[in-house]
């Protein structure tokens, strides 16, 4: 691993973020406290199995554990499956441009129908976009649950 790898810093930051001790992290990864200390200091690096165990312990992707650069991004490592695509500006007629990385990840192409959901209260008031077919499938499943009818009938 190169000297400029963000791995050691990621390990230190994750443990601090979660408030874990060296012992708790070691137990979660199935290694010794000394191994965690060496990995966090950059004296050595975990093998792939232990790196994977650490990624699972922190609920992040292995790729993010190894490659995420908090200094460059200004953001900590997101939980697995969670994304922050940046900001967008609302145009004069309410239009927004969804970032290309988000369109690619969620396979949004011209003509894709989205449901716009809103929440005025709670810890994160705001809007959410969901593919129309996904939303309708979920709504149908919930409707059937309320009636005690299996979803596939």
N, C-alpha and C. Protein backbone atom coordinates (compact mmCIF):
# COMPACT_ATOMS: atom_id res chain seq x y z
N UNK A 1 0.85 -1.17 0.00
CA UNK A 1 0.00 0.00 0.00
C UNK A 1 0.89 1.22 0.00
N UNK A 2 0.54 2.24 -0.78
CA UNK A 2 1.37 3.42 -0.89
C UNK A 2 1.27 4.27 0.37
N UNK A 3 2.30 5.11 0.58
CA UNK A 3 2.34 5.95 1.77
C UNK A 3 1.19 6.96 1.81
N UNK A 4 0.66 7.32 0.64
CA UNK A 4 -0.39 8.33 0.62
C UNK A 4 -1.80 7.70 0.61
N UNK A 5 -1.89 6.43 0.93
CA UNK A 5 -3.19 5.76 1.00
C UNK A 5 -3.99 6.33 2.16
N UNK A 6 -5.28 6.56 1.95
CA UNK A 6 -6.11 7.09 3.04
C UNK A 6 -6.58 6.03 4.04
N UNK A 7 -6.19 4.78 3.88
CA UNK A 7 -6.69 3.70 4.72
C UNK A 7 -6.50 3.96 6.22
N UNK A 8 -5.29 4.29 6.64
CA UNK A 8 -5.02 4.49 8.08
C UNK A 8 -5.89 5.61 8.63
N UNK A 9 -5.99 6.71 7.90
CA UNK A 9 -6.83 7.83 8.35
C UNK A 9 -8.29 7.44 8.40
N UNK A 10 -8.74 6.65 7.42
CA UNK A 10 -10.14 6.20 7.42
C UNK A 10 -10.42 5.35 8.65
N UNK A 11 -9.49 4.47 8.99
CA UNK A 11 -9.69 3.62 10.16
C UNK A 11 -9.76 4.46 11.44
N UNK A 12 -8.86 5.44 11.56
CA UNK A 12 -8.89 6.31 12.74
C UNK A 12 -10.19 7.10 12.80
N UNK A 13 -10.59 7.68 11.66
CA UNK A 13 -11.79 8.51 11.62
C UNK A 13 -13.05 7.70 11.92
N UNK A 14 -13.14 6.50 11.38
CA UNK A 14 -14.32 5.68 11.62
C UNK A 14 -14.44 5.28 13.08
N UNK A 15 -13.34 4.90 13.68
CA UNK A 15 -13.38 4.50 15.09
C UNK A 15 -13.78 5.68 15.95
N UNK A 16 -13.23 6.87 15.64
CA UNK A 16 -13.58 8.07 16.40
C UNK A 16 -15.06 8.44 16.18
N UNK A 17 -15.51 8.34 14.94
CA UNK A 17 -16.90 8.68 14.62
C UNK A 17 -17.88 7.82 15.41
N UNK A 18 -17.61 6.54 15.49
CA UNK A 18 -18.50 5.63 16.20
C UNK A 18 -18.24 5.59 17.71
N UNK A 19 -17.14 6.18 18.13
CA UNK A 19 -16.81 6.21 19.55
C UNK A 19 -16.35 4.87 20.11
N UNK A 20 -15.77 4.03 19.25
CA UNK A 20 -15.31 2.72 19.68
C UNK A 20 -13.90 2.81 20.25
N UNK A 21 -13.62 1.92 21.18
CA UNK A 21 -12.26 1.77 21.70
C UNK A 21 -11.49 0.85 20.74
N UNK A 22 -10.19 0.79 20.94
CA UNK A 22 -9.38 -0.16 20.16
C UNK A 22 -9.87 -1.58 20.41
N UNK A 23 -10.22 -1.87 21.64
CA UNK A 23 -10.67 -3.21 22.00
C UNK A 23 -11.99 -3.57 21.31
N UNK A 24 -12.93 -2.64 21.29
CA UNK A 24 -14.22 -2.89 20.64
C UNK A 24 -14.05 -3.11 19.14
N UNK A 25 -13.20 -2.30 18.53
CA UNK A 25 -12.95 -2.44 17.09
C UNK A 25 -12.26 -3.76 16.80
N UNK A 26 -11.28 -4.11 17.63
CA UNK A 26 -10.56 -5.38 17.45
C UNK A 26 -11.51 -6.56 17.56
N UNK A 27 -12.41 -6.50 18.54
CA UNK A 27 -13.38 -7.58 18.70
C UNK A 27 -14.30 -7.66 17.48
N UNK A 28 -14.72 -6.52 16.98
CA UNK A 28 -15.60 -6.49 15.81
C UNK A 28 -14.94 -7.03 14.55
N UNK A 29 -13.62 -6.86 14.46
CA UNK A 29 -12.89 -7.32 13.28
C UNK A 29 -12.24 -8.68 13.48
N UNK A 30 -12.27 -9.18 14.70
CA UNK A 30 -11.67 -10.49 14.97
C UNK A 30 -10.16 -10.48 14.99
N UNK A 31 -9.58 -9.37 15.50
CA UNK A 31 -8.11 -9.25 15.57
C UNK A 31 -7.73 -8.71 16.95
N UNK A 32 -6.46 -8.46 17.12
CA UNK A 32 -5.99 -7.91 18.40
C UNK A 32 -6.06 -6.38 18.38
N UNK A 33 -6.04 -5.84 19.57
CA UNK A 33 -6.01 -4.38 19.73
C UNK A 33 -4.74 -3.81 19.09
N UNK A 34 -3.65 -4.53 19.20
CA UNK A 34 -2.38 -4.07 18.63
C UNK A 34 -2.45 -4.01 17.10
N UNK A 35 -3.16 -4.96 16.49
CA UNK A 35 -3.29 -4.94 15.04
C UNK A 35 -4.04 -3.68 14.59
N UNK A 36 -5.12 -3.36 15.29
CA UNK A 36 -5.89 -2.16 14.94
C UNK A 36 -5.00 -0.93 15.09
N UNK A 37 -4.25 -0.85 16.18
CA UNK A 37 -3.36 0.30 16.41
C UNK A 37 -2.33 0.43 15.29
N UNK A 38 -1.75 -0.68 14.84
CA UNK A 38 -0.77 -0.63 13.75
C UNK A 38 -1.41 -0.19 12.43
N UNK A 39 -2.62 -0.67 12.17
CA UNK A 39 -3.31 -0.29 10.93
C UNK A 39 -3.68 1.19 10.95
N UNK A 40 -4.13 1.67 12.10
CA UNK A 40 -4.51 3.08 12.22
C UNK A 40 -3.31 4.01 12.14
N UNK A 41 -2.15 3.53 12.57
CA UNK A 41 -0.95 4.37 12.52
C UNK A 41 -0.25 4.28 11.16
N UNK A 42 -0.67 3.35 10.33
CA UNK A 42 -0.03 3.17 9.02
C UNK A 42 1.21 2.32 9.06
N UNK A 43 1.52 1.70 10.21
CA UNK A 43 2.70 0.84 10.32
C UNK A 43 2.53 -0.44 9.50
N UNK A 44 1.29 -0.88 9.35
CA UNK A 44 1.00 -2.05 8.53
C UNK A 44 -0.42 -1.91 8.01
N UNK A 45 -0.83 -2.82 7.14
CA UNK A 45 -2.18 -2.79 6.58
C UNK A 45 -2.85 -4.15 6.79
N UNK A 46 -4.16 -4.13 6.93
CA UNK A 46 -4.86 -5.40 7.11
C UNK A 46 -4.87 -6.22 5.81
N UNK A 47 -4.91 -7.53 5.93
CA UNK A 47 -5.09 -8.34 4.73
C UNK A 47 -6.53 -8.16 4.26
N UNK A 48 -6.85 -8.70 3.11
CA UNK A 48 -8.15 -8.46 2.50
C UNK A 48 -9.30 -8.97 3.37
N UNK A 49 -9.12 -10.10 4.03
CA UNK A 49 -10.18 -10.65 4.87
C UNK A 49 -10.45 -9.74 6.06
N UNK A 50 -9.39 -9.21 6.67
CA UNK A 50 -9.59 -8.31 7.81
C UNK A 50 -10.11 -6.95 7.37
N UNK A 51 -9.68 -6.48 6.21
CA UNK A 51 -10.22 -5.23 5.68
C UNK A 51 -11.71 -5.38 5.42
N UNK A 52 -12.11 -6.52 4.89
CA UNK A 52 -13.53 -6.78 4.65
C UNK A 52 -14.29 -6.84 5.96
N UNK A 53 -13.71 -7.47 6.97
CA UNK A 53 -14.36 -7.55 8.28
C UNK A 53 -14.54 -6.15 8.87
N UNK A 54 -13.55 -5.28 8.70
CA UNK A 54 -13.67 -3.91 9.19
C UNK A 54 -14.75 -3.15 8.43
N UNK A 55 -14.81 -3.33 7.11
CA UNK A 55 -15.85 -2.66 6.31
C UNK A 55 -17.23 -3.10 6.77
N UNK A 56 -17.39 -4.40 7.03
CA UNK A 56 -18.68 -4.90 7.52
C UNK A 56 -18.98 -4.36 8.91
N UNK A 57 -17.98 -4.31 9.75
CA UNK A 57 -18.15 -3.82 11.12
C UNK A 57 -18.65 -2.37 11.11
N UNK A 58 -18.11 -1.56 10.20
CA UNK A 58 -18.50 -0.16 10.11
C UNK A 58 -19.65 0.09 9.12
N UNK A 59 -20.14 -0.98 8.47
CA UNK A 59 -21.24 -0.87 7.49
C UNK A 59 -20.91 0.10 6.36
N UNK A 60 -19.72 -0.07 5.80
CA UNK A 60 -19.29 0.73 4.66
C UNK A 60 -18.77 -0.22 3.59
N UNK A 61 -18.56 0.30 2.39
CA UNK A 61 -18.03 -0.56 1.34
C UNK A 61 -16.52 -0.73 1.54
N UNK A 62 -16.01 -1.86 1.11
CA UNK A 62 -14.56 -2.12 1.18
C UNK A 62 -13.81 -1.08 0.35
N UNK A 63 -14.38 -0.74 -0.81
CA UNK A 63 -13.75 0.27 -1.67
C UNK A 63 -13.62 1.61 -0.93
N UNK A 64 -14.68 2.03 -0.24
CA UNK A 64 -14.60 3.28 0.51
C UNK A 64 -13.60 3.20 1.64
N UNK A 65 -13.55 2.07 2.33
CA UNK A 65 -12.59 1.92 3.42
C UNK A 65 -11.17 2.16 2.91
N UNK A 66 -10.86 1.61 1.77
CA UNK A 66 -9.50 1.68 1.24
C UNK A 66 -9.23 2.99 0.49
N UNK A 67 -10.20 3.48 -0.28
CA UNK A 67 -9.93 4.57 -1.21
C UNK A 67 -10.55 5.92 -0.87
N UNK A 68 -11.57 5.97 -0.02
CA UNK A 68 -12.23 7.25 0.25
C UNK A 68 -11.24 8.24 0.84
N UNK A 69 -11.19 9.43 0.26
CA UNK A 69 -10.27 10.47 0.73
C UNK A 69 -11.08 11.59 1.35
N UNK A 70 -11.17 11.58 2.67
CA UNK A 70 -11.96 12.57 3.39
C UNK A 70 -11.42 13.97 3.17
N UNK A 71 -10.11 14.12 3.09
CA UNK A 71 -9.52 15.46 2.88
C UNK A 71 -9.95 16.04 1.54
N UNK A 72 -9.93 15.24 0.48
CA UNK A 72 -10.33 15.73 -0.84
C UNK A 72 -11.82 15.99 -0.93
N UNK A 73 -12.63 15.08 -0.37
CA UNK A 73 -14.08 15.19 -0.50
C UNK A 73 -14.68 16.14 0.53
N UNK A 74 -14.01 16.30 1.67
CA UNK A 74 -14.56 17.12 2.74
C UNK A 74 -15.67 16.41 3.50
N UNK A 75 -15.91 15.13 3.19
CA UNK A 75 -16.98 14.35 3.80
C UNK A 75 -16.43 13.05 4.34
N UNK A 76 -17.03 12.56 5.41
CA UNK A 76 -16.66 11.25 5.93
C UNK A 76 -17.17 10.15 5.02
N UNK A 77 -16.84 8.94 5.34
CA UNK A 77 -17.28 7.79 4.55
C UNK A 77 -18.76 7.55 4.80
N UNK A 78 -19.55 7.48 3.72
CA UNK A 78 -20.99 7.25 3.92
C UNK A 78 -21.27 5.78 4.23
N UNK A 79 -22.39 5.51 4.91
CA UNK A 79 -22.79 4.11 5.12
C UNK A 79 -23.01 3.43 3.77
N UNK A 80 -22.85 2.11 3.75
CA UNK A 80 -23.01 1.35 2.53
C UNK A 80 -24.39 1.61 1.92
N UNK A 81 -24.42 1.94 0.64
CA UNK A 81 -25.67 2.17 -0.07
C UNK A 81 -26.22 3.58 0.05
N UNK A 82 -25.57 4.44 0.83
CA UNK A 82 -26.01 5.82 0.98
C UNK A 82 -25.08 6.72 0.17
N UNK A 83 -25.66 7.73 -0.46
CA UNK A 83 -24.87 8.59 -1.36
C UNK A 83 -25.22 10.06 -1.14
N UNK A 84 -24.24 10.91 -1.31
CA UNK A 84 -24.45 12.34 -1.36
C UNK A 84 -23.90 12.79 -2.71
N UNK A 85 -24.80 13.19 -3.60
CA UNK A 85 -24.40 13.51 -4.97
C UNK A 85 -24.05 14.97 -5.17
N UNK A 86 -24.14 15.78 -4.16
CA UNK A 86 -23.83 17.19 -4.29
C UNK A 86 -25.10 18.02 -4.25
N UNK A 87 -25.00 19.24 -4.69
CA UNK A 87 -26.14 20.14 -4.66
C UNK A 87 -26.61 20.44 -6.08
N UNK A 88 -27.87 20.81 -6.19
CA UNK A 88 -28.44 21.25 -7.47
C UNK A 88 -29.17 22.56 -7.22
N UNK A 89 -29.37 23.31 -8.28
CA UNK A 89 -30.07 24.58 -8.17
C UNK A 89 -31.42 24.46 -8.86
N UNK A 90 -32.45 24.97 -8.22
CA UNK A 90 -33.79 24.94 -8.79
C UNK A 90 -33.89 26.07 -9.81
N UNK A 91 -34.34 25.72 -11.02
CA UNK A 91 -34.50 26.70 -12.09
C UNK A 91 -35.78 27.50 -11.92
N UNK A 92 -35.98 28.46 -12.80
CA UNK A 92 -37.11 29.37 -12.74
C UNK A 92 -38.47 28.68 -12.79
N UNK A 93 -38.54 27.54 -13.43
CA UNK A 93 -39.80 26.80 -13.53
C UNK A 93 -39.82 25.57 -12.63
N UNK A 94 -38.91 25.53 -11.65
CA UNK A 94 -38.87 24.42 -10.70
C UNK A 94 -38.05 23.23 -11.16
N UNK A 95 -37.38 23.33 -12.28
CA UNK A 95 -36.62 22.19 -12.79
C UNK A 95 -35.26 22.08 -12.08
N UNK A 96 -34.80 20.84 -11.96
CA UNK A 96 -33.47 20.57 -11.44
C UNK A 96 -32.77 19.61 -12.39
N UNK A 97 -31.47 19.60 -12.34
CA UNK A 97 -30.69 18.63 -13.11
C UNK A 97 -30.10 17.64 -12.11
N UNK A 98 -30.46 16.38 -12.26
CA UNK A 98 -29.96 15.34 -11.38
C UNK A 98 -28.53 15.02 -11.82
N UNK A 99 -27.57 15.03 -10.90
CA UNK A 99 -26.18 14.77 -11.28
C UNK A 99 -26.02 13.45 -12.05
N UNK A 100 -25.11 13.45 -13.01
CA UNK A 100 -24.89 12.29 -13.88
C UNK A 100 -24.58 11.03 -13.07
N UNK A 101 -23.78 11.16 -12.03
CA UNK A 101 -23.44 9.97 -11.24
C UNK A 101 -24.69 9.36 -10.62
N UNK A 102 -25.65 10.18 -10.20
CA UNK A 102 -26.91 9.67 -9.64
C UNK A 102 -27.77 9.06 -10.75
N UNK A 103 -27.82 9.72 -11.90
CA UNK A 103 -28.61 9.16 -13.02
C UNK A 103 -28.05 7.81 -13.43
N UNK A 104 -26.75 7.70 -13.50
CA UNK A 104 -26.12 6.44 -13.90
C UNK A 104 -26.38 5.34 -12.87
N UNK A 105 -26.18 5.65 -11.60
CA UNK A 105 -26.35 4.65 -10.54
C UNK A 105 -27.78 4.12 -10.50
N UNK A 106 -28.76 5.02 -10.63
CA UNK A 106 -30.16 4.61 -10.54
C UNK A 106 -30.81 4.39 -11.89
N UNK A 107 -30.00 4.36 -12.95
CA UNK A 107 -30.46 4.08 -14.31
C UNK A 107 -31.63 4.99 -14.70
N UNK A 108 -31.43 6.28 -14.50
CA UNK A 108 -32.43 7.27 -14.89
C UNK A 108 -32.09 7.78 -16.28
N UNK A 109 -33.00 7.60 -17.20
CA UNK A 109 -32.79 8.05 -18.57
C UNK A 109 -33.95 8.96 -18.97
N UNK A 110 -33.81 9.60 -20.10
CA UNK A 110 -34.87 10.48 -20.60
C UNK A 110 -36.18 9.70 -20.64
N UNK A 111 -37.22 10.27 -20.06
CA UNK A 111 -38.52 9.63 -20.04
C UNK A 111 -38.81 8.82 -18.78
N UNK A 112 -37.81 8.64 -17.91
CA UNK A 112 -38.05 7.93 -16.65
C UNK A 112 -39.03 8.74 -15.81
N UNK A 113 -40.08 8.10 -15.32
CA UNK A 113 -41.05 8.78 -14.46
C UNK A 113 -40.64 8.63 -13.01
N UNK A 114 -40.67 9.74 -12.28
CA UNK A 114 -40.33 9.75 -10.87
C UNK A 114 -41.49 10.28 -10.05
N UNK A 115 -41.66 9.74 -8.86
CA UNK A 115 -42.64 10.25 -7.91
C UNK A 115 -41.88 11.20 -6.98
N UNK A 116 -42.44 12.38 -6.75
CA UNK A 116 -41.82 13.35 -5.86
C UNK A 116 -42.55 13.27 -4.52
N UNK A 117 -41.81 12.92 -3.49
CA UNK A 117 -42.35 12.78 -2.14
C UNK A 117 -41.84 13.94 -1.28
N UNK A 118 -42.61 14.35 -0.30
CA UNK A 118 -42.18 15.43 0.58
C UNK A 118 -42.50 15.14 2.03
N UNK A 119 -41.67 15.66 2.91
CA UNK A 119 -41.87 15.54 4.35
C UNK A 119 -41.60 16.91 4.95
N UNK A 120 -42.61 17.50 5.58
CA UNK A 120 -42.46 18.83 6.17
C UNK A 120 -41.85 18.79 7.56
N UNK A 121 -41.92 17.65 8.21
CA UNK A 121 -41.48 17.57 9.60
C UNK A 121 -40.40 16.51 9.76
N UNK A 122 -40.06 16.23 10.98
CA UNK A 122 -39.04 15.22 11.26
C UNK A 122 -37.66 15.82 11.23
N UNK A 123 -36.66 14.99 11.43
CA UNK A 123 -35.29 15.50 11.51
C UNK A 123 -34.75 15.99 10.15
N UNK A 124 -35.30 15.48 9.04
CA UNK A 124 -34.80 15.86 7.72
C UNK A 124 -35.96 16.25 6.80
N UNK A 125 -36.59 17.40 7.03
CA UNK A 125 -37.67 17.79 6.13
C UNK A 125 -37.12 18.03 4.73
N UNK A 126 -37.85 17.58 3.72
CA UNK A 126 -37.38 17.79 2.37
C UNK A 126 -38.11 16.93 1.36
N UNK A 127 -37.51 16.80 0.21
CA UNK A 127 -38.08 16.07 -0.92
C UNK A 127 -37.28 14.81 -1.20
N UNK A 128 -37.95 13.84 -1.79
CA UNK A 128 -37.29 12.61 -2.24
C UNK A 128 -37.87 12.24 -3.59
N UNK A 129 -37.06 11.64 -4.43
CA UNK A 129 -37.49 11.15 -5.74
C UNK A 129 -37.40 9.64 -5.75
N UNK A 130 -38.45 8.99 -6.23
CA UNK A 130 -38.48 7.53 -6.32
C UNK A 130 -39.00 7.17 -7.70
N UNK A 131 -38.38 6.16 -8.32
CA UNK A 131 -38.89 5.70 -9.61
C UNK A 131 -40.36 5.31 -9.46
N UNK A 132 -41.15 5.72 -10.45
CA UNK A 132 -42.60 5.49 -10.43
C UNK A 132 -42.95 4.02 -10.22
N UNK A 133 -42.33 3.12 -10.99
CA UNK A 133 -42.68 1.70 -10.89
C UNK A 133 -42.30 1.13 -9.53
N UNK A 134 -41.20 1.55 -8.96
CA UNK A 134 -40.79 1.09 -7.63
C UNK A 134 -41.80 1.56 -6.59
N UNK A 135 -42.19 2.82 -6.69
CA UNK A 135 -43.16 3.37 -5.74
C UNK A 135 -44.50 2.64 -5.83
N UNK A 136 -44.97 2.42 -7.05
CA UNK A 136 -46.25 1.75 -7.23
C UNK A 136 -46.22 0.31 -6.73
N UNK A 137 -45.13 -0.40 -6.99
CA UNK A 137 -44.99 -1.77 -6.48
C UNK A 137 -45.03 -1.80 -4.96
N UNK A 138 -44.34 -0.85 -4.34
CA UNK A 138 -44.32 -0.79 -2.87
C UNK A 138 -45.70 -0.42 -2.33
N UNK A 139 -46.35 0.54 -2.97
CA UNK A 139 -47.69 0.95 -2.53
C UNK A 139 -48.67 -0.22 -2.64
N UNK A 140 -48.56 -0.98 -3.72
CA UNK A 140 -49.44 -2.15 -3.90
C UNK A 140 -49.18 -3.18 -2.81
N UNK A 141 -47.92 -3.40 -2.49
CA UNK A 141 -47.58 -4.36 -1.44
C UNK A 141 -48.15 -3.92 -0.10
N UNK A 142 -48.04 -2.64 0.21
CA UNK A 142 -48.59 -2.13 1.47
C UNK A 142 -50.11 -2.22 1.49
N UNK A 143 -50.75 -1.95 0.37
CA UNK A 143 -52.21 -2.03 0.30
C UNK A 143 -52.67 -3.46 0.56
N UNK A 144 -51.98 -4.43 -0.01
CA UNK A 144 -52.33 -5.83 0.20
C UNK A 144 -52.09 -6.26 1.65
N UNK A 145 -51.02 -5.73 2.26
CA UNK A 145 -50.72 -6.07 3.65
C UNK A 145 -51.86 -5.62 4.55
N UNK A 146 -52.40 -4.46 4.28
CA UNK A 146 -53.49 -3.94 5.09
C UNK A 146 -54.75 -4.76 4.98
N UNK A 147 -54.92 -5.44 3.87
CA UNK A 147 -56.12 -6.26 3.65
C UNK A 147 -55.88 -7.72 3.98
N UNK A 148 -54.64 -8.07 4.33
CA UNK A 148 -54.32 -9.46 4.65
C UNK A 148 -54.25 -10.35 3.41
N UNK A 149 -54.06 -9.75 2.22
CA UNK A 149 -53.97 -10.49 0.98
C UNK A 149 -52.51 -10.60 0.57
N UNK A 150 -52.02 -11.79 0.22
CA UNK A 150 -50.64 -11.92 -0.24
C UNK A 150 -50.39 -11.01 -1.45
N UNK A 151 -49.19 -10.46 -1.54
CA UNK A 151 -48.82 -9.51 -2.58
C UNK A 151 -48.97 -10.05 -3.99
N UNK A 152 -48.71 -11.34 -4.19
CA UNK A 152 -48.72 -11.90 -5.56
C UNK A 152 -50.12 -12.28 -6.03
N UNK A 153 -51.16 -11.99 -5.31
CA UNK A 153 -52.52 -12.35 -5.74
C UNK A 153 -53.24 -11.16 -6.30
